[in-house]
PDB file of N, CA and C in Angstrom:
ATOM      1  N   UNK A   1      31.430  26.127 -17.215  1.00  0.00           N
ATOM      2  CA  UNK A   1      30.824  27.374 -17.626  1.00  0.00           C
ATOM      3  C   UNK A   1      29.811  27.808 -16.566  1.00  0.00           C
ATOM      4  N   UNK A   2      29.521  29.093 -16.508  1.00  0.00           N
ATOM      5  CA  UNK A   2      28.598  29.591 -15.480  1.00  0.00           C
ATOM      6  C   UNK A   2      27.221  28.914 -15.489  1.00  0.00           C
ATOM      7  N   UNK A   3      26.735  28.460 -16.629  1.00  0.00           N
ATOM      8  CA  UNK A   3      25.434  27.786 -16.674  1.00  0.00           C
ATOM      9  C   UNK A   3      25.455  26.446 -15.941  1.00  0.00           C
ATOM     10  N   UNK A   4      26.643  25.921 -15.671  1.00  0.00           N
ATOM     11  CA  UNK A   4      26.789  24.631 -14.996  1.00  0.00           C
ATOM     12  C   UNK A   4      27.025  24.782 -13.498  1.00  0.00           C
ATOM     13  N   UNK A   5      26.719  25.970 -12.951  1.00  0.00           N
ATOM     14  CA  UNK A   5      27.015  26.217 -11.542  1.00  0.00           C
ATOM     15  C   UNK A   5      25.767  26.533 -10.733  1.00  0.00           C
ATOM     16  N   UNK A   6      25.910  26.373  -9.416  1.00  0.00           N
ATOM     17  CA  UNK A   6      24.865  26.804  -8.503  1.00  0.00           C
ATOM     18  C   UNK A   6      25.087  28.288  -8.176  1.00  0.00           C
ATOM     19  N   UNK A   7      24.209  28.921  -7.412  1.00  0.00           N
ATOM     20  CA  UNK A   7      24.369  30.347  -7.121  1.00  0.00           C
ATOM     21  C   UNK A   7      25.674  30.717  -6.407  1.00  0.00           C
ATOM     22  N   UNK A   8      26.316  29.748  -5.733  1.00  0.00           N
ATOM     23  CA  UNK A   8      27.576  30.018  -5.042  1.00  0.00           C
ATOM     24  C   UNK A   8      28.778  29.930  -5.978  1.00  0.00           C
ATOM     25  N   UNK A   9      28.552  29.509  -7.222  1.00  0.00           N
ATOM     26  CA  UNK A   9      29.652  29.404  -8.170  1.00  0.00           C
ATOM     27  C   UNK A   9      30.329  28.051  -8.211  1.00  0.00           C
ATOM     28  N   UNK A  10      29.768  27.070  -7.500  1.00  0.00           N
ATOM     29  CA  UNK A  10      30.310  25.712  -7.533  1.00  0.00           C
ATOM     30  C   UNK A  10      29.691  24.957  -8.705  1.00  0.00           C
ATOM     31  N   UNK A  11      30.490  24.126  -9.363  1.00  0.00           N
ATOM     32  CA  UNK A  11      30.006  23.319 -10.473  1.00  0.00           C
ATOM     33  C   UNK A  11      29.007  22.289  -9.939  1.00  0.00           C
ATOM     34  N   UNK A  12      27.902  22.092 -10.670  1.00  0.00           N
ATOM     35  CA  UNK A  12      26.915  21.090 -10.284  1.00  0.00           C
ATOM     36  C   UNK A  12      27.549  19.700 -10.280  1.00  0.00           C
ATOM     37  N   UNK A  13      27.207  18.906  -9.275  1.00  0.00           N
ATOM     38  CA  UNK A  13      27.701  17.539  -9.194  1.00  0.00           C
ATOM     39  C   UNK A  13      27.293  16.708 -10.397  1.00  0.00           C
ATOM     40  N   UNK A  14      26.112  16.975 -10.949  1.00  0.00           N
ATOM     41  CA  UNK A  14      25.648  16.240 -12.120  1.00  0.00           C
ATOM     42  C   UNK A  14      26.530  16.477 -13.336  1.00  0.00           C
ATOM     43  N   UNK A  15      27.049  17.693 -13.469  1.00  0.00           N
ATOM     44  CA  UNK A  15      27.963  17.983 -14.589  1.00  0.00           C
ATOM     45  C   UNK A  15      29.242  17.166 -14.421  1.00  0.00           C
ATOM     46  N   UNK A  16      29.772  17.147 -13.196  1.00  0.00           N
ATOM     47  CA  UNK A  16      31.001  16.395 -12.941  1.00  0.00           C
ATOM     48  C   UNK A  16      30.770  14.903 -13.153  1.00  0.00           C
ATOM     49  N   UNK A  17      29.621  14.401 -12.711  1.00  0.00           N
ATOM     50  CA  UNK A  17      29.309  12.993 -12.911  1.00  0.00           C
ATOM     51  C   UNK A  17      29.217  12.652 -14.401  1.00  0.00           C
ATOM     52  N   UNK A  18      28.659  13.538 -15.193  1.00  0.00           N
ATOM     53  CA  UNK A  18      28.568  13.275 -16.635  1.00  0.00           C
ATOM     54  C   UNK A  18      29.954  13.218 -17.272  1.00  0.00           C
ATOM     55  N   UNK A  19      30.867  14.048 -16.818  1.00  0.00           N
ATOM     56  CA  UNK A  19      32.234  14.010 -17.337  1.00  0.00           C
ATOM     57  C   UNK A  19      32.911  12.694 -16.948  1.00  0.00           C
ATOM     58  N   UNK A  20      32.649  12.234 -15.728  1.00  0.00           N
ATOM     59  CA  UNK A  20      33.207  10.964 -15.263  1.00  0.00           C
ATOM     60  C   UNK A  20      32.633   9.800 -16.078  1.00  0.00           C
ATOM     61  N   UNK A  21      31.348   9.872 -16.398  1.00  0.00           N
ATOM     62  CA  UNK A  21      30.718   8.834 -17.211  1.00  0.00           C
ATOM     63  C   UNK A  21      31.332   8.800 -18.609  1.00  0.00           C
ATOM     64  N   UNK A  22      31.627   9.961 -19.166  1.00  0.00           N
ATOM     65  CA  UNK A  22      32.294  10.013 -20.472  1.00  0.00           C
ATOM     66  C   UNK A  22      33.683   9.375 -20.405  1.00  0.00           C
ATOM     67  N   UNK A  23      34.436   9.663 -19.354  1.00  0.00           N
ATOM     68  CA  UNK A  23      35.773   9.081 -19.197  1.00  0.00           C
ATOM     69  C   UNK A  23      35.674   7.564 -19.044  1.00  0.00           C
ATOM     70  N   UNK A  24      34.733   7.103 -18.233  1.00  0.00           N
ATOM     71  CA  UNK A  24      34.545   5.665 -18.042  1.00  0.00           C
ATOM     72  C   UNK A  24      34.104   5.008 -19.347  1.00  0.00           C
ATOM     73  N   UNK A  25      33.233   5.683 -20.090  1.00  0.00           N
ATOM     74  CA  UNK A  25      32.766   5.147 -21.367  1.00  0.00           C
ATOM     75  C   UNK A  25      33.889   4.996 -22.377  1.00  0.00           C
ATOM     76  N   UNK A  26      34.808   5.948 -22.378  1.00  0.00           N
ATOM     77  CA  UNK A  26      35.971   5.837 -23.267  1.00  0.00           C
ATOM     78  C   UNK A  26      36.815   4.619 -22.894  1.00  0.00           C
ATOM     79  N   UNK A  27      37.063   4.440 -21.603  1.00  0.00           N
ATOM     80  CA  UNK A  27      37.852   3.287 -21.151  1.00  0.00           C
ATOM     81  C   UNK A  27      37.129   1.982 -21.479  1.00  0.00           C
ATOM     82  N   UNK A  28      35.816   1.959 -21.292  1.00  0.00           N
ATOM     83  CA  UNK A  28      35.034   0.746 -21.580  1.00  0.00           C
ATOM     84  C   UNK A  28      35.078   0.413 -23.065  1.00  0.00           C
ATOM     85  N   UNK A  29      34.917   1.401 -23.925  1.00  0.00           N
ATOM     86  CA  UNK A  29      34.942   1.163 -25.376  1.00  0.00           C
ATOM     87  C   UNK A  29      36.304   0.694 -25.846  1.00  0.00           C
ATOM     88  N   UNK A  30      37.360   1.265 -25.284  1.00  0.00           N
ATOM     89  CA  UNK A  30      38.711   0.816 -25.648  1.00  0.00           C
ATOM     90  C   UNK A  30      38.933  -0.631 -25.242  1.00  0.00           C
ATOM     91  N   UNK A  31      38.487  -0.976 -24.013  1.00  0.00           N
ATOM     92  CA  UNK A  31      38.714  -2.342 -23.511  1.00  0.00           C
ATOM     93  C   UNK A  31      37.878  -3.374 -24.257  1.00  0.00           C
ATOM     94  N   UNK A  32      36.652  -3.015 -24.648  1.00  0.00           N
ATOM     95  CA  UNK A  32      35.755  -3.975 -25.292  1.00  0.00           C
ATOM     96  C   UNK A  32      35.776  -3.884 -26.813  1.00  0.00           C
ATOM     97  N   UNK A  33      36.491  -2.897 -27.341  1.00  0.00           N
ATOM     98  CA  UNK A  33      36.583  -2.679 -28.789  1.00  0.00           C
ATOM     99  C   UNK A  33      35.221  -2.443 -29.419  1.00  0.00           C
ATOM    100  N   UNK A  34      34.377  -1.667 -28.738  1.00  0.00           N
ATOM    101  CA  UNK A  34      33.061  -1.390 -29.309  1.00  0.00           C
ATOM    102  C   UNK A  34      32.137  -0.657 -28.371  1.00  0.00           C
ATOM    103  N   UNK A  35      30.884  -0.737 -28.708  1.00  0.00           N
ATOM    104  CA  UNK A  35      29.824  -0.012 -28.005  1.00  0.00           C
ATOM    105  C   UNK A  35      29.597  -0.588 -26.609  1.00  0.00           C
ATOM    106  N   UNK A  36      29.357   0.317 -25.658  1.00  0.00           N
ATOM    107  CA  UNK A  36      29.058  -0.060 -24.266  1.00  0.00           C
ATOM    108  C   UNK A  36      27.996   0.886 -23.725  1.00  0.00           C
ATOM    109  N   UNK A  37      27.337   0.466 -22.670  1.00  0.00           N
ATOM    110  CA  UNK A  37      26.345   1.314 -22.012  1.00  0.00           C
ATOM    111  C   UNK A  37      26.563   1.280 -20.501  1.00  0.00           C
ATOM    112  N   UNK A  38      26.377   2.432 -19.871  1.00  0.00           N
ATOM    113  CA  UNK A  38      26.430   2.520 -18.411  1.00  0.00           C
ATOM    114  C   UNK A  38      25.195   1.837 -17.844  1.00  0.00           C
ATOM    115  N   UNK A  39      25.394   0.950 -16.875  1.00  0.00           N
ATOM    116  CA  UNK A  39      24.254   0.301 -16.240  1.00  0.00           C
ATOM    117  C   UNK A  39      24.162   0.600 -14.746  1.00  0.00           C
ATOM    118  N   UNK A  40      25.259   1.085 -14.149  1.00  0.00           N
ATOM    119  CA  UNK A  40      25.227   1.406 -12.720  1.00  0.00           C
ATOM    120  C   UNK A  40      26.394   2.308 -12.353  1.00  0.00           C
ATOM    121  N   UNK A  41      26.182   3.075 -11.296  1.00  0.00           N
ATOM    122  CA  UNK A  41      27.241   3.890 -10.702  1.00  0.00           C
ATOM    123  C   UNK A  41      27.168   3.659  -9.201  1.00  0.00           C
ATOM    124  N   UNK A  42      28.285   3.219  -8.619  1.00  0.00           N
ATOM    125  CA  UNK A  42      28.303   3.016  -7.175  1.00  0.00           C
ATOM    126  C   UNK A  42      28.400   4.361  -6.476  1.00  0.00           C
ATOM    127  N   UNK A  43      28.134   4.391  -5.205  1.00  0.00           N
ATOM    128  CA  UNK A  43      28.074   5.615  -4.407  1.00  0.00           C
ATOM    129  C   UNK A  43      29.168   6.608  -4.755  1.00  0.00           C
ATOM    130  N   UNK A  44      28.767   7.843  -4.843  1.00  0.00           N
ATOM    131  CA  UNK A  44      29.682   8.925  -5.192  1.00  0.00           C
ATOM    132  C   UNK A  44      29.631   9.962  -4.070  1.00  0.00           C
ATOM    133  N   UNK A  45      30.791  10.312  -3.549  1.00  0.00           N
ATOM    134  CA  UNK A  45      30.881  11.346  -2.529  1.00  0.00           C
ATOM    135  C   UNK A  45      31.705  12.497  -3.080  1.00  0.00           C
ATOM    136  N   UNK A  46      31.264  13.692  -2.823  1.00  0.00           N
ATOM    137  CA  UNK A  46      31.987  14.880  -3.278  1.00  0.00           C
ATOM    138  C   UNK A  46      32.816  15.403  -2.115  1.00  0.00           C
ATOM    139  N   UNK A  47      34.142  15.436  -2.303  1.00  0.00           N
ATOM    140  CA  UNK A  47      35.060  15.799  -1.231  1.00  0.00           C
ATOM    141  C   UNK A  47      35.405  17.280  -1.213  1.00  0.00           C
ATOM    142  N   UNK A  48      35.331  17.933  -2.357  1.00  0.00           N
ATOM    143  CA  UNK A  48      35.689  19.353  -2.452  1.00  0.00           C
ATOM    144  C   UNK A  48      34.939  19.964  -3.631  1.00  0.00           C
ATOM    145  N   UNK A  49      34.626  21.252  -3.558  1.00  0.00           N
ATOM    146  CA  UNK A  49      33.918  21.898  -4.672  1.00  0.00           C
ATOM    147  C   UNK A  49      34.842  22.174  -5.852  1.00  0.00           C
ATOM    148  N   UNK A  50      34.233  22.278  -7.027  1.00  0.00           N
ATOM    149  CA  UNK A  50      34.932  22.670  -8.247  1.00  0.00           C
ATOM    150  C   UNK A  50      34.366  24.022  -8.655  1.00  0.00           C
ATOM    151  N   UNK A  51      35.238  24.987  -8.876  1.00  0.00           N
ATOM    152  CA  UNK A  51      34.825  26.343  -9.244  1.00  0.00           C
ATOM    153  C   UNK A  51      34.938  26.551 -10.752  1.00  0.00           C
ATOM    154  N   UNK A  52      34.185  27.508 -11.265  1.00  0.00           N
ATOM    155  CA  UNK A  52      34.319  27.879 -12.676  1.00  0.00           C
ATOM    156  C   UNK A  52      35.764  28.272 -12.930  1.00  0.00           C
ATOM    157  N   UNK A  53      36.351  27.732 -13.989  1.00  0.00           N
ATOM    158  CA  UNK A  53      37.732  28.032 -14.335  1.00  0.00           C
ATOM    159  C   UNK A  53      38.743  27.044 -13.810  1.00  0.00           C
ATOM    160  N   UNK A  54      38.332  26.163 -12.883  1.00  0.00           N
ATOM    161  CA  UNK A  54      39.247  25.141 -12.382  1.00  0.00           C
ATOM    162  C   UNK A  54      39.535  24.130 -13.486  1.00  0.00           C
ATOM    163  N   UNK A  55      40.731  23.570 -13.460  1.00  0.00           N
ATOM    164  CA  UNK A  55      41.092  22.489 -14.376  1.00  0.00           C
ATOM    165  C   UNK A  55      40.670  21.175 -13.737  1.00  0.00           C
ATOM    166  N   UNK A  56      39.902  20.382 -14.466  1.00  0.00           N
ATOM    167  CA  UNK A  56      39.450  19.087 -13.974  1.00  0.00           C
ATOM    168  C   UNK A  56      40.125  17.997 -14.793  1.00  0.00           C
ATOM    169  N   UNK A  57      40.753  17.045 -14.115  1.00  0.00           N
ATOM    170  CA  UNK A  57      41.387  15.900 -14.764  1.00  0.00           C
ATOM    171  C   UNK A  57      40.684  14.640 -14.291  1.00  0.00           C
ATOM    172  N   UNK A  58      40.432  13.737 -15.221  1.00  0.00           N
ATOM    173  CA  UNK A  58      39.739  12.495 -14.914  1.00  0.00           C
ATOM    174  C   UNK A  58      40.639  11.315 -15.232  1.00  0.00           C
ATOM    175  N   UNK A  59      40.632  10.316 -14.350  1.00  0.00           N
ATOM    176  CA  UNK A  59      41.455   9.126 -14.512  1.00  0.00           C
ATOM    177  C   UNK A  59      40.554   7.907 -14.383  1.00  0.00           C
ATOM    178  N   UNK A  60      40.568   7.033 -15.394  1.00  0.00           N
ATOM    179  CA  UNK A  60      39.709   5.858 -15.412  1.00  0.00           C
ATOM    180  C   UNK A  60      40.548   4.600 -15.558  1.00  0.00           C
ATOM    181  N   UNK A  61      40.250   3.593 -14.731  1.00  0.00           N
ATOM    182  CA  UNK A  61      40.939   2.311 -14.769  1.00  0.00           C
ATOM    183  C   UNK A  61      39.923   1.179 -14.693  1.00  0.00           C
ATOM    184  N   UNK A  62      40.053   0.206 -15.574  1.00  0.00           N
ATOM    185  CA  UNK A  62      39.219  -0.987 -15.505  1.00  0.00           C
ATOM    186  C   UNK A  62      39.679  -1.798 -14.297  1.00  0.00           C
ATOM    187  N   UNK A  63      38.760  -2.070 -13.368  1.00  0.00           N
ATOM    188  CA  UNK A  63      39.128  -2.803 -12.158  1.00  0.00           C
ATOM    189  C   UNK A  63      38.698  -4.259 -12.207  1.00  0.00           C
ATOM    190  N   UNK A  64      37.681  -4.586 -13.027  1.00  0.00           N
ATOM    191  CA  UNK A  64      37.286  -5.979 -13.168  1.00  0.00           C
ATOM    192  C   UNK A  64      36.420  -6.145 -14.413  1.00  0.00           C
ATOM    193  N   UNK A  65      36.421  -7.366 -14.923  1.00  0.00           N
ATOM    194  CA  UNK A  65      35.563  -7.683 -16.063  1.00  0.00           C
ATOM    195  C   UNK A  65      34.794  -8.954 -15.757  1.00  0.00           C
ATOM    196  N   UNK A  66      33.578  -8.998 -16.266  1.00  0.00           N
ATOM    197  CA  UNK A  66      32.756 -10.201 -16.196  1.00  0.00           C
ATOM    198  C   UNK A  66      32.575 -10.733 -17.601  1.00  0.00           C
ATOM    199  N   UNK A  67      31.549 -11.538 -17.804  1.00  0.00           N
ATOM    200  CA  UNK A  67      31.316 -12.096 -19.132  1.00  0.00           C
ATOM    201  C   UNK A  67      30.913 -11.013 -20.129  1.00  0.00           C
ATOM    202  N   UNK A  68      29.973 -10.133 -19.733  1.00  0.00           N
ATOM    203  CA  UNK A  68      29.517  -9.064 -20.629  1.00  0.00           C
ATOM    204  C   UNK A  68      29.707  -7.672 -20.028  1.00  0.00           C
ATOM    205  N   UNK A  69      30.187  -7.602 -18.801  1.00  0.00           N
ATOM    206  CA  UNK A  69      30.277  -6.310 -18.114  1.00  0.00           C
ATOM    207  C   UNK A  69      31.684  -6.020 -17.627  1.00  0.00           C
ATOM    208  N   UNK A  70      31.895  -4.765 -17.277  1.00  0.00           N
ATOM    209  CA  UNK A  70      33.159  -4.361 -16.671  1.00  0.00           C
ATOM    210  C   UNK A  70      32.910  -3.208 -15.713  1.00  0.00           C
ATOM    211  N   UNK A  71      33.754  -3.150 -14.678  1.00  0.00           N
ATOM    212  CA  UNK A  71      33.685  -2.104 -13.668  1.00  0.00           C
ATOM    213  C   UNK A  71      34.889  -1.199 -13.854  1.00  0.00           C
ATOM    214  N   UNK A  72      34.621   0.111 -13.827  1.00  0.00           N
ATOM    215  CA  UNK A  72      35.676   1.090 -14.081  1.00  0.00           C
ATOM    216  C   UNK A  72      35.702   2.111 -12.951  1.00  0.00           C
ATOM    217  N   UNK A  73      36.849   2.218 -12.298  1.00  0.00           N
ATOM    218  CA  UNK A  73      37.068   3.212 -11.238  1.00  0.00           C
ATOM    219  C   UNK A  73      37.448   4.530 -11.900  1.00  0.00           C
ATOM    220  N   UNK A  74      36.749   5.587 -11.530  1.00  0.00           N
ATOM    221  CA  UNK A  74      37.052   6.915 -12.070  1.00  0.00           C
ATOM    222  C   UNK A  74      37.296   7.874 -10.913  1.00  0.00           C
ATOM    223  N   UNK A  75      38.384   8.631 -11.007  1.00  0.00           N
ATOM    224  CA  UNK A  75      38.672   9.691 -10.035  1.00  0.00           C
ATOM    225  C   UNK A  75      38.690  11.020 -10.761  1.00  0.00           C
ATOM    226  N   UNK A  76      38.138  12.037 -10.116  1.00  0.00           N
ATOM    227  CA  UNK A  76      38.186  13.398 -10.637  1.00  0.00           C
ATOM    228  C   UNK A  76      39.083  14.223  -9.721  1.00  0.00           C
ATOM    229  N   UNK A  77      40.041  14.894 -10.332  1.00  0.00           N
ATOM    230  CA  UNK A  77      40.982  15.750  -9.616  1.00  0.00           C
ATOM    231  C   UNK A  77      40.831  17.162 -10.136  1.00  0.00           C
ATOM    232  N   UNK A  78      41.034  18.129  -9.266  1.00  0.00           N
ATOM    233  CA  UNK A  78      40.825  19.531  -9.619  1.00  0.00           C
ATOM    234  C   UNK A  78      42.060  20.348  -9.254  1.00  0.00           C
ATOM    235  N   UNK A  79      42.379  21.294 -10.130  1.00  0.00           N
ATOM    236  CA  UNK A  79      43.476  22.234  -9.864  1.00  0.00           C
ATOM    237  C   UNK A  79      42.948  23.638 -10.135  1.00  0.00           C
ATOM    238  N   UNK A  80      43.094  24.495  -9.154  1.00  0.00           N
ATOM    239  CA  UNK A  80      42.696  25.891  -9.300  1.00  0.00           C
ATOM    240  C   UNK A  80      43.609  26.586 -10.299  1.00  0.00           C
ATOM    241  N   UNK A  81      43.084  27.600 -10.950  1.00  0.00           N
ATOM    242  CA  UNK A  81      43.895  28.363 -11.916  1.00  0.00           C
ATOM    243  C   UNK A  81      45.103  29.011 -11.274  1.00  0.00           C
ATOM    244  N   UNK A  82      45.045  29.255  -9.974  1.00  0.00           N
ATOM    245  CA  UNK A  82      46.128  29.971  -9.300  1.00  0.00           C
ATOM    246  C   UNK A  82      47.035  29.074  -8.467  1.00  0.00           C
ATOM    247  N   UNK A  83      46.815  27.757  -8.498  1.00  0.00           N
ATOM    248  CA  UNK A  83      47.578  26.819  -7.672  1.00  0.00           C
ATOM    249  C   UNK A  83      48.353  25.842  -8.545  1.00  0.00           C
ATOM    250  N   UNK A  84      49.314  25.178  -7.933  1.00  0.00           N
ATOM    251  CA  UNK A  84      50.089  24.157  -8.635  1.00  0.00           C
ATOM    252  C   UNK A  84      49.682  22.743  -8.253  1.00  0.00           C
ATOM    253  N   UNK A  85      49.046  22.574  -7.099  1.00  0.00           N
ATOM    254  CA  UNK A  85      48.692  21.231  -6.652  1.00  0.00           C
ATOM    255  C   UNK A  85      47.232  20.910  -6.992  1.00  0.00           C
ATOM    256  N   UNK A  86      46.969  19.618  -7.140  1.00  0.00           N
ATOM    257  CA  UNK A  86      45.618  19.141  -7.432  1.00  0.00           C
ATOM    258  C   UNK A  86      45.051  18.429  -6.217  1.00  0.00           C
ATOM    259  N   UNK A  87      43.730  18.406  -6.109  1.00  0.00           N
ATOM    260  CA  UNK A  87      43.053  17.678  -5.046  1.00  0.00           C
ATOM    261  C   UNK A  87      42.003  16.769  -5.681  1.00  0.00           C
ATOM    262  N   UNK A  88      41.832  15.601  -5.081  1.00  0.00           N
ATOM    263  CA  UNK A  88      40.788  14.695  -5.558  1.00  0.00           C
ATOM    264  C   UNK A  88      39.449  15.234  -5.093  1.00  0.00           C
ATOM    265  N   UNK A  89      38.518  15.404  -6.010  1.00  0.00           N
ATOM    266  CA  UNK A  89      37.220  15.966  -5.645  1.00  0.00           C
ATOM    267  C   UNK A  89      36.130  14.914  -5.565  1.00  0.00           C
ATOM    268  N   UNK A  90      36.275  13.813  -6.285  1.00  0.00           N
ATOM    269  CA  UNK A  90      35.312  12.718  -6.178  1.00  0.00           C
ATOM    270  C   UNK A  90      35.852  11.472  -6.870  1.00  0.00           C
ATOM    271  N   UNK A  91      35.222  10.350  -6.568  1.00  0.00           N
ATOM    272  CA  UNK A  91      35.530   9.093  -7.254  1.00  0.00           C
ATOM    273  C   UNK A  91      34.288   8.216  -7.213  1.00  0.00           C
ATOM    274  N   UNK A  92      34.213   7.280  -8.141  1.00  0.00           N
ATOM    275  CA  UNK A  92      33.093   6.342  -8.197  1.00  0.00           C
ATOM    276  C   UNK A  92      33.478   5.181  -9.092  1.00  0.00           C
ATOM    277  N   UNK A  93      32.722   4.100  -8.965  1.00  0.00           N
ATOM    278  CA  UNK A  93      32.893   2.943  -9.834  1.00  0.00           C
ATOM    279  C   UNK A  93      31.684   2.871 -10.750  1.00  0.00           C
ATOM    280  N   UNK A  94      31.944   2.851 -12.057  1.00  0.00           N
ATOM    281  CA  UNK A  94      30.907   2.779 -13.079  1.00  0.00           C
ATOM    282  C   UNK A  94      30.888   1.358 -13.637  1.00  0.00           C
ATOM    283  N   UNK A  95      29.714   0.798 -13.809  1.00  0.00           N
ATOM    284  CA  UNK A  95      29.570  -0.522 -14.422  1.00  0.00           C
ATOM    285  C   UNK A  95      28.995  -0.347 -15.819  1.00  0.00           C
ATOM    286  N   UNK A  96      29.650  -0.991 -16.778  1.00  0.00           N
ATOM    287  CA  UNK A  96      29.232  -0.934 -18.181  1.00  0.00           C
ATOM    288  C   UNK A  96      28.945  -2.332 -18.689  1.00  0.00           C
ATOM    289  N   UNK A  97      28.094  -2.428 -19.700  1.00  0.00           N
ATOM    290  CA  UNK A  97      27.842  -3.675 -20.408  1.00  0.00           C
ATOM    291  C   UNK A  97      28.246  -3.465 -21.854  1.00  0.00           C
ATOM    292  N   UNK A  98      28.996  -4.425 -22.398  1.00  0.00           N
ATOM    293  CA  UNK A  98      29.367  -4.391 -23.810  1.00  0.00           C
ATOM    294  C   UNK A  98      28.130  -4.747 -24.630  1.00  0.00           C
ATOM    295  N   UNK A  99      27.915  -4.008 -25.725  1.00  0.00           N
ATOM    296  CA  UNK A  99      26.722  -4.210 -26.553  1.00  0.00           C
ATOM    297  C   UNK A  99      27.092  -4.582 -27.979  1.00  0.00           C
ATOM    298  N   UNK A 100      26.239  -5.402 -28.597  1.00  0.00           N
ATOM    299  CA  UNK A 100      26.441  -5.744 -30.002  1.00  0.00           C
ATOM    300  C   UNK A 100      25.734  -4.711 -30.884  1.00  0.00           C
ATOM    301  N   UNK A 101      25.709  -4.936 -32.182  1.00  0.00           N
ATOM    302  CA  UNK A 101      25.115  -3.983 -33.131  1.00  0.00           C
ATOM    303  C   UNK A 101      23.620  -3.800 -32.925  1.00  0.00           C
ATOM    304  N   UNK A 102      22.981  -4.725 -32.226  1.00  0.00           N
ATOM    305  CA  UNK A 102      21.535  -4.641 -31.978  1.00  0.00           C
ATOM    306  C   UNK A 102      21.216  -4.145 -30.573  1.00  0.00           C
ATOM    307  N   UNK A 103      22.244  -3.732 -29.832  1.00  0.00           N
ATOM    308  CA  UNK A 103      22.043  -3.210 -28.485  1.00  0.00           C
ATOM    309  C   UNK A 103      21.869  -4.277 -27.428  1.00  0.00           C
ATOM    310  N   UNK A 104      22.228  -5.509 -27.733  1.00  0.00           N
ATOM    311  CA  UNK A 104      22.134  -6.597 -26.767  1.00  0.00           C
ATOM    312  C   UNK A 104      23.513  -6.876 -26.166  1.00  0.00           C
ATOM    313  N   UNK A 105      23.552  -7.369 -24.925  1.00  0.00           N
ATOM    314  CA  UNK A 105      24.847  -7.679 -24.304  1.00  0.00           C
ATOM    315  C   UNK A 105      25.650  -8.667 -25.156  1.00  0.00           C
ATOM    316  N   UNK A 106      26.955  -8.423 -25.182  1.00  0.00           N
ATOM    317  CA  UNK A 106      27.880  -9.313 -25.899  1.00  0.00           C
ATOM    318  C   UNK A 106      29.061  -9.598 -24.983  1.00  0.00           C
ATOM    319  N   UNK A 107      29.776 -10.678 -25.231  1.00  0.00           N
ATOM    320  CA  UNK A 107      30.933 -10.989 -24.379  1.00  0.00           C
ATOM    321  C   UNK A 107      32.031  -9.925 -24.488  1.00  0.00           C
ATOM    322  N   UNK A 108      32.666  -9.654 -23.364  1.00  0.00           N
ATOM    323  CA  UNK A 108      33.849  -8.793 -23.353  1.00  0.00           C
ATOM    324  C   UNK A 108      34.987  -9.629 -23.943  1.00  0.00           C
ATOM    325  N   UNK A 109      35.674  -9.119 -24.976  1.00  0.00           N
ATOM    326  CA  UNK A 109      36.753  -9.920 -25.562  1.00  0.00           C
ATOM    327  C   UNK A 109      37.920 -10.090 -24.595  1.00  0.00           C
ATOM    328  N   UNK A 110      38.695 -11.158 -24.782  1.00  0.00           N
ATOM    329  CA  UNK A 110      39.876 -11.342 -23.929  1.00  0.00           C
ATOM    330  C   UNK A 110      40.814 -10.134 -24.036  1.00  0.00           C
ATOM    331  N   UNK A 111      41.505  -9.867 -22.959  1.00  0.00           N
ATOM    332  CA  UNK A 111      42.436  -8.745 -22.934  1.00  0.00           C
ATOM    333  C   UNK A 111      43.629  -9.045 -23.829  1.00  0.00           C
ATOM    334  N   UNK A 112      44.008  -8.078 -24.664  1.00  0.00           N
ATOM    335  CA  UNK A 112      45.166  -8.251 -25.554  1.00  0.00           C
ATOM    336  C   UNK A 112      46.434  -8.321 -24.717  1.00  0.00           C
ATOM    337  N   UNK A 113      47.336  -9.164 -25.092  1.00  0.00           N
ATOM    338  CA  UNK A 113      48.593  -9.331 -24.361  1.00  0.00           C
ATOM    339  C   UNK A 113      49.689  -8.614 -25.057  1.00  0.00           C
TER     340      UNK A 113
END
């Protein structure tokens, strides 16, 4: 939306990062079967601008798990309303910690087979 843009009409990087965090959080919750919290984001580089009206697609993959944490690679791809091809606009690795009902770290359950 226009409120999420700079004067040139490009979407703020913070808005895109928040969408990526939501995608990573969904993947983390599915993998851990519960509540998780973002604890770190590795370096993020913006390769291309996103304009108002562009379609943004996010892809999240769990790349590693520890005892209570997991790392999730997220890529953001953009497609203009007038184009058929998409371009990768940014990527980052988000680290999450699985939390129990009291907000304390809990073990990541074994992966279902």
